[in-house]
Amino acid sequence: MNDPRPRRARHRLVTTVATLMATALVLSGCARGSADNPDDSAGDEQRIAALGLGDADTLLALGITPVAVAPWGAKGDTHPSGVGPWARDKLGDAEPATIYDTA
């Protein structure tokens, strides 16, 4: 008869290696990224476009100025900034690009 011990040892080895590889994969997904320059991402400028109707209002209420806006009305019917009169003071001097016909 064949001795089942080598088979069990091989099975145990394969199971251990698979478990270690899965653990390494999960832990690498939890990594924060490069530790060379931790301030790198903090200095990146982010640009946000408000393409849904009302998205500009939400962003402005959160203190974020969009670089592009989908206006409420048709071209020529709205203020050149693309936002409603209730949000113009929060827009300040910014002049976001207006993108029409997004609906």
PDB file of N, CA and C in Angstrom:
ATOM      1  N   MET A   1       0.823  -1.181   0.000  1.00  0.00           N
ATOM      2  CA  MET A   1       0.000   0.000   0.000  1.00  0.00           C
ATOM      3  C   MET A   1       0.872   1.250   0.000  1.00  0.00           C
ATOM      4  N   ASN A   2       0.281   2.309  -0.478  1.00  0.00           N
ATOM      5  CA  ASN A   2       0.982   3.586  -0.502  1.00  0.00           C
ATOM      6  C   ASN A   2       0.860   4.276   0.845  1.00  0.00           C
ATOM      7  N   ASP A   3       1.929   4.924   1.236  1.00  0.00           N
ATOM      8  CA  ASP A   3       1.945   5.651   2.503  1.00  0.00           C
ATOM      9  C   ASP A   3       1.306   7.030   2.290  1.00  0.00           C
ATOM     10  N   PRO A   4       0.220   7.414   2.987  1.00  0.00           N
ATOM     11  CA  PRO A   4      -0.454   8.699   2.784  1.00  0.00           C
ATOM     12  C   PRO A   4       0.275   9.887   3.409  1.00  0.00           C
ATOM     13  N   ARG A   5       1.326   9.655   4.165  1.00  0.00           N
ATOM     14  CA  ARG A   5       2.013  10.778   4.836  1.00  0.00           C
ATOM     15  C   ARG A   5       2.623  11.791   3.865  1.00  0.00           C
ATOM     16  N   PRO A   6       3.309  11.396   2.788  1.00  0.00           N
ATOM     17  CA  PRO A   6       3.859  12.415   1.867  1.00  0.00           C
ATOM     18  C   PRO A   6       2.764  13.267   1.223  1.00  0.00           C
ATOM     19  N   ARG A   7       1.624  12.647   0.982  1.00  0.00           N
ATOM     20  CA  ARG A   7       0.522  13.391   0.391  1.00  0.00           C
ATOM     21  C   ARG A   7      -0.017  14.451   1.349  1.00  0.00           C
ATOM     22  N   ARG A   8      -0.137  14.095   2.601  1.00  0.00           N
ATOM     23  CA  ARG A   8      -0.607  15.048   3.617  1.00  0.00           C
ATOM     24  C   ARG A   8       0.385  16.182   3.803  1.00  0.00           C
ATOM     25  N   ALA A   9       1.654  15.853   3.790  1.00  0.00           N
ATOM     26  CA  ALA A   9       2.686  16.887   3.946  1.00  0.00           C
ATOM     27  C   ALA A   9       2.650  17.852   2.770  1.00  0.00           C
ATOM     28  N   ARG A  10       2.468  17.325   1.568  1.00  0.00           N
ATOM     29  CA  ARG A  10       2.400  18.196   0.383  1.00  0.00           C
ATOM     30  C   ARG A  10       1.148  19.069   0.444  1.00  0.00           C
ATOM     31  N   HIS A  11       0.040  18.474   0.836  1.00  0.00           N
ATOM     32  CA  HIS A  11      -1.202  19.222   0.969  1.00  0.00           C
ATOM     33  C   HIS A  11      -1.056  20.340   2.003  1.00  0.00           C
ATOM     34  N   ARG A  12      -0.429  20.060   3.124  1.00  0.00           N
ATOM     35  CA  ARG A  12      -0.200  21.043   4.174  1.00  0.00           C
ATOM     36  C   ARG A  12       0.698  22.171   3.651  1.00  0.00           C
ATOM     37  N   LEU A  13       1.738  21.818   2.876  1.00  0.00           N
ATOM     38  CA  LEU A  13       2.641  22.822   2.306  1.00  0.00           C
ATOM     39  C   LEU A  13       1.900  23.733   1.332  1.00  0.00           C
ATOM     40  N   VAL A  14       1.109  23.144   0.456  1.00  0.00           N
ATOM     41  CA  VAL A  14       0.347  23.936  -0.514  1.00  0.00           C
ATOM     42  C   VAL A  14      -0.642  24.847   0.203  1.00  0.00           C
ATOM     43  N   THR A  15      -1.304  24.348   1.220  1.00  0.00           N
ATOM     44  CA  THR A  15      -2.259  25.151   1.982  1.00  0.00           C
ATOM     45  C   THR A  15      -1.556  26.308   2.688  1.00  0.00           C
ATOM     46  N   THR A  16      -0.406  26.049   3.265  1.00  0.00           N
ATOM     47  CA  THR A  16       0.346  27.094   3.957  1.00  0.00           C
ATOM     48  C   THR A  16       0.808  28.173   2.985  1.00  0.00           C
ATOM     49  N   VAL A  17       1.332  27.765   1.834  1.00  0.00           N
ATOM     50  CA  VAL A  17       1.794  28.735   0.836  1.00  0.00           C
ATOM     51  C   VAL A  17       0.620  29.566   0.320  1.00  0.00           C
ATOM     52  N   ALA A  18      -0.495  28.934   0.049  1.00  0.00           N
ATOM     53  CA  ALA A  18      -1.676  29.661  -0.429  1.00  0.00           C
ATOM     54  C   ALA A  18      -2.172  30.653   0.611  1.00  0.00           C
ATOM     55  N   THR A  19      -2.163  30.257   1.864  1.00  0.00           N
ATOM     56  CA  THR A  19      -2.590  31.159   2.943  1.00  0.00           C
ATOM     57  C   THR A  19      -1.655  32.353   3.066  1.00  0.00           C
ATOM     58  N   LEU A  20      -0.358  32.105   2.980  1.00  0.00           N
ATOM     59  CA  LEU A  20       0.613  33.209   3.054  1.00  0.00           C
ATOM     60  C   LEU A  20       0.464  34.163   1.879  1.00  0.00           C
ATOM     61  N   MET A  21       0.231  33.634   0.685  1.00  0.00           N
ATOM     62  CA  MET A  21       0.060  34.496  -0.492  1.00  0.00           C
ATOM     63  C   MET A  21      -1.212  35.326  -0.376  1.00  0.00           C
ATOM     64  N   ALA A  22      -2.290  34.725   0.103  1.00  0.00           N
ATOM     65  CA  ALA A  22      -3.543  35.464   0.269  1.00  0.00           C
ATOM     66  C   ALA A  22      -3.389  36.560   1.317  1.00  0.00           C
ATOM     67  N   THR A  23      -2.684  36.252   2.403  1.00  0.00           N
ATOM     68  CA  THR A  23      -2.445  37.246   3.443  1.00  0.00           C
ATOM     69  C   THR A  23      -1.613  38.405   2.910  1.00  0.00           C
ATOM     70  N   ALA A  24      -0.584  38.100   2.127  1.00  0.00           N
ATOM     71  CA  ALA A  24       0.252  39.153   1.540  1.00  0.00           C
ATOM     72  C   ALA A  24      -0.554  40.023   0.589  1.00  0.00           C
ATOM     73  N   LEU A  25      -1.443  39.416  -0.180  1.00  0.00           N
ATOM     74  CA  LEU A  25      -2.274  40.173  -1.114  1.00  0.00           C
ATOM     75  C   LEU A  25      -3.225  41.109  -0.365  1.00  0.00           C
ATOM     76  N   VAL A  26      -3.846  40.617   0.676  1.00  0.00           N
ATOM     77  CA  VAL A  26      -4.765  41.447   1.463  1.00  0.00           C
ATOM     78  C   VAL A  26      -4.016  42.592   2.135  1.00  0.00           C
ATOM     79  N   LEU A  27      -2.867  42.301   2.710  1.00  0.00           N
ATOM     80  CA  LEU A  27      -2.106  43.353   3.393  1.00  0.00           C
ATOM     81  C   LEU A  27      -1.551  44.385   2.416  1.00  0.00           C
ATOM     82  N   SER A  28      -1.203  43.979   1.205  1.00  0.00           N
ATOM     83  CA  SER A  28      -0.713  44.956   0.226  1.00  0.00           C
ATOM     84  C   SER A  28      -1.833  45.895  -0.206  1.00  0.00           C
ATOM     85  N   GLY A  29      -3.076  45.437  -0.153  1.00  0.00           N
ATOM     86  CA  GLY A  29      -4.207  46.307  -0.461  1.00  0.00           C
ATOM     87  C   GLY A  29      -4.439  47.350   0.611  1.00  0.00           C
ATOM     88  N   CYS A  30      -3.929  47.118   1.800  1.00  0.00           N
ATOM     89  CA  CYS A  30      -4.084  48.060   2.908  1.00  0.00           C
ATOM     90  C   CYS A  30      -2.949  49.073   2.974  1.00  0.00           C
ATOM     91  N   ALA A  31      -1.979  48.961   2.075  1.00  0.00           N
ATOM     92  CA  ALA A  31      -0.819  49.848   2.108  1.00  0.00           C
ATOM     93  C   ALA A  31      -1.225  51.271   1.740  1.00  0.00           C
ATOM     94  N   ARG A  32      -0.528  52.235   2.292  1.00  0.00           N
ATOM     95  CA  ARG A  32      -0.824  53.647   2.027  1.00  0.00           C
ATOM     96  C   ARG A  32      -0.156  54.165   0.765  1.00  0.00           C
ATOM     97  N   GLY A  33       0.782  53.472   0.237  1.00  0.00           N
ATOM     98  CA  GLY A  33       1.482  53.926  -0.952  1.00  0.00           C
ATOM     99  C   GLY A  33       2.942  54.161  -0.639  1.00  0.00           C
ATOM    100  N   SER A  34       3.566  54.983  -1.439  1.00  0.00           N
ATOM    101  CA  SER A  34       4.996  55.240  -1.312  1.00  0.00           C
ATOM    102  C   SER A  34       5.300  56.025  -0.048  1.00  0.00           C
ATOM    103  N   ALA A  35       6.275  55.555   0.698  1.00  0.00           N
ATOM    104  CA  ALA A  35       6.679  56.256   1.920  1.00  0.00           C
ATOM    105  C   ALA A  35       7.832  57.214   1.649  1.00  0.00           C
ATOM    106  N   ASP A  36       8.272  57.304   0.380  1.00  0.00           N
ATOM    107  CA  ASP A  36       9.399  58.172   0.043  1.00  0.00           C
ATOM    108  C   ASP A  36       9.085  59.640   0.309  1.00  0.00           C
ATOM    109  N   ASN A  37       7.897  60.087  -0.095  1.00  0.00           N
ATOM    110  CA  ASN A  37       7.526  61.481   0.086  1.00  0.00           C
ATOM    111  C   ASN A  37       6.073  61.543   0.541  1.00  0.00           C
ATOM    112  N   PRO A  38       5.824  61.497   1.832  1.00  0.00           N
ATOM    113  CA  PRO A  38       4.447  61.462   2.313  1.00  0.00           C
ATOM    114  C   PRO A  38       3.660  62.735   2.015  1.00  0.00           C
ATOM    115  N   ASP A  39       4.313  63.857   1.755  1.00  0.00           N
ATOM    116  CA  ASP A  39       3.618  65.104   1.468  1.00  0.00           C
ATOM    117  C   ASP A  39       3.267  65.240  -0.004  1.00  0.00           C
ATOM    118  N   ASP A  40       3.632  64.268  -0.822  1.00  0.00           N
ATOM    119  CA  ASP A  40       3.425  64.340  -2.258  1.00  0.00           C
ATOM    120  C   ASP A  40       1.951  64.522  -2.624  1.00  0.00           C
ATOM    121  N   SER A  41       1.073  63.705  -2.065  1.00  0.00           N
ATOM    122  CA  SER A  41      -0.334  63.764  -2.439  1.00  0.00           C
ATOM    123  C   SER A  41      -1.031  64.965  -1.816  1.00  0.00           C
ATOM    124  N   ALA A  42      -0.531  65.481  -0.728  1.00  0.00           N
ATOM    125  CA  ALA A  42      -1.176  66.610  -0.071  1.00  0.00           C
ATOM    126  C   ALA A  42      -1.049  67.883  -0.901  1.00  0.00           C
ATOM    127  N   GLY A  43      -0.024  67.989  -1.733  1.00  0.00           N
ATOM    128  CA  GLY A  43       0.187  69.186  -2.522  1.00  0.00           C
ATOM    129  C   GLY A  43      -0.473  69.148  -3.887  1.00  0.00           C
ATOM    130  N   ASP A  44      -1.045  68.011  -4.276  1.00  0.00           N
ATOM    131  CA  ASP A  44      -1.682  67.910  -5.584  1.00  0.00           C
ATOM    132  C   ASP A  44      -2.965  68.731  -5.609  1.00  0.00           C
ATOM    133  N   GLU A  45      -3.114  69.496  -6.675  1.00  0.00           N
ATOM    134  CA  GLU A  45      -4.328  70.275  -6.845  1.00  0.00           C
ATOM    135  C   GLU A  45      -5.391  69.377  -7.449  1.00  0.00           C
ATOM    136  N   GLN A  46      -6.579  69.395  -6.890  1.00  0.00           N
ATOM    137  CA  GLN A  46      -7.666  68.600  -7.425  1.00  0.00           C
ATOM    138  C   GLN A  46      -8.667  69.523  -8.087  1.00  0.00           C
ATOM    139  N   ARG A  47      -9.118  69.119  -9.264  1.00  0.00           N
ATOM    140  CA  ARG A  47     -10.094  69.897 -10.011  1.00  0.00           C
ATOM    141  C   ARG A  47     -11.369  69.073 -10.120  1.00  0.00           C
ATOM    142  N   ILE A  48     -12.482  69.702  -9.804  1.00  0.00           N
ATOM    143  CA  ILE A  48     -13.764  68.996  -9.782  1.00  0.00           C
ATOM    144  C   ILE A  48     -14.739  69.702 -10.710  1.00  0.00           C
ATOM    145  N   ALA A  49     -15.424  68.919 -11.539  1.00  0.00           N
ATOM    146  CA  ALA A  49     -16.458  69.433 -12.427  1.00  0.00           C
ATOM    147  C   ALA A  49     -17.817  69.037 -11.881  1.00  0.00           C
ATOM    148  N   ALA A  50     -18.769  69.969 -11.902  1.00  0.00           N
ATOM    149  CA  ALA A  50     -20.133  69.718 -11.443  1.00  0.00           C
ATOM    150  C   ALA A  50     -21.016  69.532 -12.672  1.00  0.00           C
ATOM    151  N   LEU A  51     -21.214  68.272 -13.087  1.00  0.00           N
ATOM    152  CA  LEU A  51     -21.918  68.006 -14.339  1.00  0.00           C
ATOM    153  C   LEU A  51     -23.395  67.686 -14.168  1.00  0.00           C
ATOM    154  N   GLY A  52     -23.834  67.460 -12.954  1.00  0.00           N
ATOM    155  CA  GLY A  52     -25.248  67.206 -12.714  1.00  0.00           C
ATOM    156  C   GLY A  52     -25.944  68.487 -12.279  1.00  0.00           C
ATOM    157  N   LEU A  53     -27.234  68.559 -12.582  1.00  0.00           N
ATOM    158  CA  LEU A  53     -27.982  69.743 -12.170  1.00  0.00           C
ATOM    159  C   LEU A  53     -28.039  69.787 -10.650  1.00  0.00           C
ATOM    160  N   GLY A  54     -27.570  70.855 -10.070  1.00  0.00           N
ATOM    161  CA  GLY A  54     -27.537  71.002  -8.628  1.00  0.00           C
ATOM    162  C   GLY A  54     -26.220  70.593  -8.003  1.00  0.00           C
ATOM    163  N   ASP A  55     -25.352  69.947  -8.761  1.00  0.00           N
ATOM    164  CA  ASP A  55     -24.054  69.536  -8.211  1.00  0.00           C
ATOM    165  C   ASP A  55     -23.199  70.739  -7.827  1.00  0.00           C
ATOM    166  N   ALA A  56     -23.280  71.804  -8.606  1.00  0.00           N
ATOM    167  CA  ALA A  56     -22.495  73.000  -8.296  1.00  0.00           C
ATOM    168  C   ALA A  56     -22.933  73.592  -6.956  1.00  0.00           C
ATOM    169  N   ASP A  57     -24.231  73.579  -6.702  1.00  0.00           N
ATOM    170  CA  ASP A  57     -24.741  74.100  -5.427  1.00  0.00           C
ATOM    171  C   ASP A  57     -24.175  73.310  -4.255  1.00  0.00           C
ATOM    172  N   THR A  58     -24.153  71.993  -4.400  1.00  0.00           N
ATOM    173  CA  THR A  58     -23.636  71.143  -3.327  1.00  0.00           C
ATOM    174  C   THR A  58     -22.162  71.397  -3.090  1.00  0.00           C
ATOM    175  N   LEU A  59     -21.375  71.460  -4.181  1.00  0.00           N
ATOM    176  CA  LEU A  59     -19.939  71.688  -4.037  1.00  0.00           C
ATOM    177  C   LEU A  59     -19.659  73.050  -3.413  1.00  0.00           C
ATOM    178  N   LEU A  60     -20.357  74.072  -3.877  1.00  0.00           N
ATOM    179  CA  LEU A  60     -20.143  75.420  -3.329  1.00  0.00           C
ATOM    180  C   LEU A  60     -20.530  75.480  -1.855  1.00  0.00           C
ATOM    181  N   ALA A  61     -21.578  74.772  -1.473  1.00  0.00           N
ATOM    182  CA  ALA A  61     -21.984  74.742  -0.066  1.00  0.00           C
ATOM    183  C   ALA A  61     -20.909  74.084   0.802  1.00  0.00           C
ATOM    184  N   LEU A  62     -20.142  73.159   0.208  1.00  0.00           N
ATOM    185  CA  LEU A  62     -19.057  72.492   0.935  1.00  0.00           C
ATOM    186  C   LEU A  62     -17.739  73.264   0.861  1.00  0.00           C
ATOM    187  N   GLY A  63     -17.751  74.419   0.173  1.00  0.00           N
ATOM    188  CA  GLY A  63     -16.546  75.235   0.067  1.00  0.00           C
ATOM    189  C   GLY A  63     -15.626  74.809  -1.062  1.00  0.00           C
ATOM    190  N   ILE A  64     -16.136  74.026  -2.003  1.00  0.00           N
ATOM    191  CA  ILE A  64     -15.348  73.551  -3.142  1.00  0.00           C
ATOM    192  C   ILE A  64     -15.821  74.290  -4.377  1.00  0.00           C
ATOM    193  N   THR A  65     -14.884  74.885  -5.110  1.00  0.00           N
ATOM    194  CA  THR A  65     -15.229  75.622  -6.318  1.00  0.00           C
ATOM    195  C   THR A  65     -14.997  74.733  -7.536  1.00  0.00           C
ATOM    196  N   PRO A  66     -16.049  74.412  -8.286  1.00  0.00           N
ATOM    197  CA  PRO A  66     -15.883  73.554  -9.457  1.00  0.00           C
ATOM    198  C   PRO A  66     -15.220  74.305 -10.602  1.00  0.00           C
ATOM    199  N   VAL A  67     -14.509  73.571 -11.469  1.00  0.00           N
ATOM    200  CA  VAL A  67     -13.870  74.180 -12.635  1.00  0.00           C
ATOM    201  C   VAL A  67     -14.792  74.157 -13.837  1.00  0.00           C
ATOM    202  N   ALA A  68     -15.850  73.342 -13.784  1.00  0.00           N
ATOM    203  CA  ALA A  68     -16.850  73.282 -14.852  1.00  0.00           C
ATOM    204  C   ALA A  68     -18.216  73.059 -14.211  1.00  0.00           C
ATOM    205  N   VAL A  69     -19.251  73.637 -14.842  1.00  0.00           N
ATOM    206  CA  VAL A  69     -20.600  73.587 -14.282  1.00  0.00           C
ATOM    207  C   VAL A  69     -21.589  73.264 -15.397  1.00  0.00           C
ATOM    208  N   ALA A  70     -22.584  72.437 -15.081  1.00  0.00           N
ATOM    209  CA  ALA A  70     -23.728  72.220 -15.964  1.00  0.00           C
ATOM    210  C   ALA A  70     -24.812  73.205 -15.528  1.00  0.00           C
ATOM    211  N   PRO A  71     -25.096  74.246 -16.329  1.00  0.00           N
ATOM    212  CA  PRO A  71     -26.054  75.278 -15.918  1.00  0.00           C
ATOM    213  C   PRO A  71     -27.482  74.759 -15.832  1.00  0.00           C
ATOM    214  N   TRP A  72     -28.305  75.499 -15.094  1.00  0.00           N
ATOM    215  CA  TRP A  72     -29.700  75.134 -14.922  1.00  0.00           C
ATOM    216  C   TRP A  72     -30.505  75.327 -16.204  1.00  0.00           C
ATOM    217  N   GLY A  73     -30.201  76.339 -16.975  1.00  0.00           N
ATOM    218  CA  GLY A  73     -31.002  76.659 -18.153  1.00  0.00           C
ATOM    219  C   GLY A  73     -30.247  76.447 -19.447  1.00  0.00           C
ATOM    220  N   ALA A  74     -30.886  76.842 -20.530  1.00  0.00           N
ATOM    221  CA  ALA A  74     -30.276  76.735 -21.858  1.00  0.00           C
ATOM    222  C   ALA A  74     -29.265  77.861 -22.056  1.00  0.00           C
ATOM    223  N   LYS A  75     -28.445  77.714 -23.056  1.00  0.00           N
ATOM    224  CA  LYS A  75     -27.429  78.720 -23.352  1.00  0.00           C
ATOM    225  C   LYS A  75     -28.112  80.052 -23.659  1.00  0.00           C
ATOM    226  N   GLY A  76     -27.677  81.088 -22.984  1.00  0.00           N
ATOM    227  CA  GLY A  76     -28.268  82.411 -23.146  1.00  0.00           C
ATOM    228  C   GLY A  76     -29.350  82.721 -22.127  1.00  0.00           C
ATOM    229  N   ASP A  77     -29.891  81.697 -21.460  1.00  0.00           N
ATOM    230  CA  ASP A  77     -30.944  81.903 -20.469  1.00  0.00           C
ATOM    231  C   ASP A  77     -30.406  82.042 -19.052  1.00  0.00           C
ATOM    232  N   THR A  78     -29.158  81.711 -18.848  1.00  0.00           N
ATOM    233  CA  THR A  78     -28.591  81.707 -17.498  1.00  0.00           C
ATOM    234  C   THR A  78     -27.440  82.696 -17.394  1.00  0.00           C
ATOM    235  N   HIS A  79     -27.012  82.918 -16.183  1.00  0.00           N
ATOM    236  CA  HIS A  79     -25.849  83.762 -15.916  1.00  0.00           C
ATOM    237  C   HIS A  79     -24.618  83.090 -16.526  1.00  0.00           C
ATOM    238  N   PRO A  80     -23.654  83.852 -17.028  1.00  0.00           N
ATOM    239  CA  PRO A  80     -22.463  83.244 -17.640  1.00  0.00           C
ATOM    240  C   PRO A  80     -21.700  82.285 -16.720  1.00  0.00           C
ATOM    241  N   SER A  81     -21.833  82.448 -15.400  1.00  0.00           N
ATOM    242  CA  SER A  81     -21.123  81.561 -14.485  1.00  0.00           C
ATOM    243  C   SER A  81     -21.734  80.163 -14.458  1.00  0.00           C
ATOM    244  N   GLY A  82     -23.004  80.041 -14.854  1.00  0.00           N
ATOM    245  CA  GLY A  82     -23.667  78.752 -14.872  1.00  0.00           C
ATOM    246  C   GLY A  82     -24.348  78.379 -13.575  1.00  0.00           C
ATOM    247  N   VAL A  83     -24.195  79.172 -12.534  1.00  0.00           N
ATOM    248  CA  VAL A  83     -24.845  78.862 -11.257  1.00  0.00           C
ATOM    249  C   VAL A  83     -26.019  79.811 -11.045  1.00  0.00           C
ATOM    250  N   GLY A  84     -26.930  79.411 -10.190  1.00  0.00           N
ATOM    251  CA  GLY A  84     -28.092  80.235  -9.893  1.00  0.00           C
ATOM    252  C   GLY A  84     -27.721  81.438  -9.047  1.00  0.00           C
ATOM    253  N   PRO A  85     -28.646  82.403  -8.943  1.00  0.00           N
ATOM    254  CA  PRO A  85     -28.365  83.624  -8.182  1.00  0.00           C
ATOM    255  C   PRO A  85     -28.098  83.348  -6.703  1.00  0.00           C
ATOM    256  N   TRP A  86     -28.640  82.248  -6.189  1.00  0.00           N
ATOM    257  CA  TRP A  86     -28.444  81.892  -4.784  1.00  0.00           C
ATOM    258  C   TRP A  86     -27.031  81.414  -4.485  1.00  0.00           C
ATOM    259  N   ALA A  87     -26.265  81.069  -5.514  1.00  0.00           N
ATOM    260  CA  ALA A  87     -24.928  80.512  -5.293  1.00  0.00           C
ATOM    261  C   ALA A  87     -23.808  81.405  -5.812  1.00  0.00           C
ATOM    262  N   ARG A  88     -24.137  82.507  -6.450  1.00  0.00           N
ATOM    263  CA  ARG A  88     -23.096  83.347  -7.059  1.00  0.00           C
ATOM    264  C   ARG A  88     -22.134  83.937  -6.045  1.00  0.00           C
ATOM    265  N   ASP A  89     -22.634  84.277  -4.853  1.00  0.00           N
ATOM    266  CA  ASP A  89     -21.735  84.848  -3.849  1.00  0.00           C
ATOM    267  C   ASP A  89     -20.709  83.810  -3.373  1.00  0.00           C
ATOM    268  N   LYS A  90     -21.096  82.539  -3.330  1.00  0.00           N
ATOM    269  CA  LYS A  90     -20.152  81.490  -2.928  1.00  0.00           C
ATOM    270  C   LYS A  90     -19.135  81.188  -4.030  1.00  0.00           C
ATOM    271  N   LEU A  91     -19.478  81.510  -5.276  1.00  0.00           N
ATOM    272  CA  LEU A  91     -18.573  81.276  -6.395  1.00  0.00           C
ATOM    273  C   LEU A  91     -17.420  82.270  -6.384  1.00  0.00           C
ATOM    274  N   GLY A  92     -17.674  83.469  -5.871  1.00  0.00           N
ATOM    275  CA  GLY A  92     -16.624  84.486  -5.797  1.00  0.00           C
ATOM    276  C   GLY A  92     -16.189  84.945  -7.173  1.00  0.00           C
ATOM    277  N   ASP A  93     -14.884  85.063  -7.384  1.00  0.00           N
ATOM    278  CA  ASP A  93     -14.346  85.532  -8.661  1.00  0.00           C
ATOM    279  C   ASP A  93     -14.107  84.392  -9.651  1.00  0.00           C
ATOM    280  N   ALA A  94     -14.392  83.174  -9.257  1.00  0.00           N
ATOM    281  CA  ALA A  94     -14.146  82.022 -10.132  1.00  0.00           C
ATOM    282  C   ALA A  94     -15.052  82.075 -11.360  1.00  0.00           C
ATOM    283  N   GLU A  95     -14.532  81.616 -12.472  1.00  0.00           N
ATOM    284  CA  GLU A  95     -15.300  81.561 -13.714  1.00  0.00           C
ATOM    285  C   GLU A  95     -15.227  80.129 -14.271  1.00  0.00           C
ATOM    286  N   PRO A  96     -16.082  79.246 -13.759  1.00  0.00           N
ATOM    287  CA  PRO A  96     -16.033  77.861 -14.238  1.00  0.00           C
ATOM    288  C   PRO A  96     -16.525  77.770 -15.686  1.00  0.00           C
ATOM    289  N   ALA A  97     -16.007  76.795 -16.411  1.00  0.00           N
ATOM    290  CA  ALA A  97     -16.487  76.535 -17.758  1.00  0.00           C
ATOM    291  C   ALA A  97     -17.913  76.018 -17.659  1.00  0.00           C
ATOM    292  N   THR A  98     -18.764  76.426 -18.607  1.00  0.00           N
ATOM    293  CA  THR A  98     -20.149  75.956 -18.613  1.00  0.00           C
ATOM    294  C   THR A  98     -20.297  74.883 -19.683  1.00  0.00           C
ATOM    295  N   ILE A  99     -20.928  73.780 -19.317  1.00  0.00           N
ATOM    296  CA  ILE A  99     -21.138  72.664 -20.224  1.00  0.00           C
ATOM    297  C   ILE A  99     -22.643  72.468 -20.347  1.00  0.00           C
ATOM    298  N   TYR A 100     -23.176  72.713 -21.541  1.00  0.00           N
ATOM    299  CA  TYR A 100     -24.618  72.644 -21.774  1.00  0.00           C
ATOM    300  C   TYR A 100     -25.025  71.260 -22.278  1.00  0.00           C
ATOM    301  N   ASP A 101     -26.312  71.007 -22.214  1.00  0.00           N
ATOM    302  CA  ASP A 101     -26.918  69.767 -22.714  1.00  0.00           C
ATOM    303  C   ASP A 101     -26.340  68.521 -22.051  1.00  0.00           C
ATOM    304  N   THR A 102     -26.273  68.523 -20.736  1.00  0.00           N
ATOM    305  CA  THR A 102     -25.775  67.353 -20.027  1.00  0.00           C
ATOM    306  C   THR A 102     -26.897  66.423 -19.588  1.00  0.00           C
ATOM    307  N   ALA A 103     -28.143  66.894 -19.665  1.00  0.00           N
ATOM    308  CA  ALA A 103     -29.275  66.063 -19.215  1.00  0.00           C
ATOM    309  C   ALA A 103     -29.644  65.027 -20.242  1.00  0.00           C
TER     310      ALA A 103
END
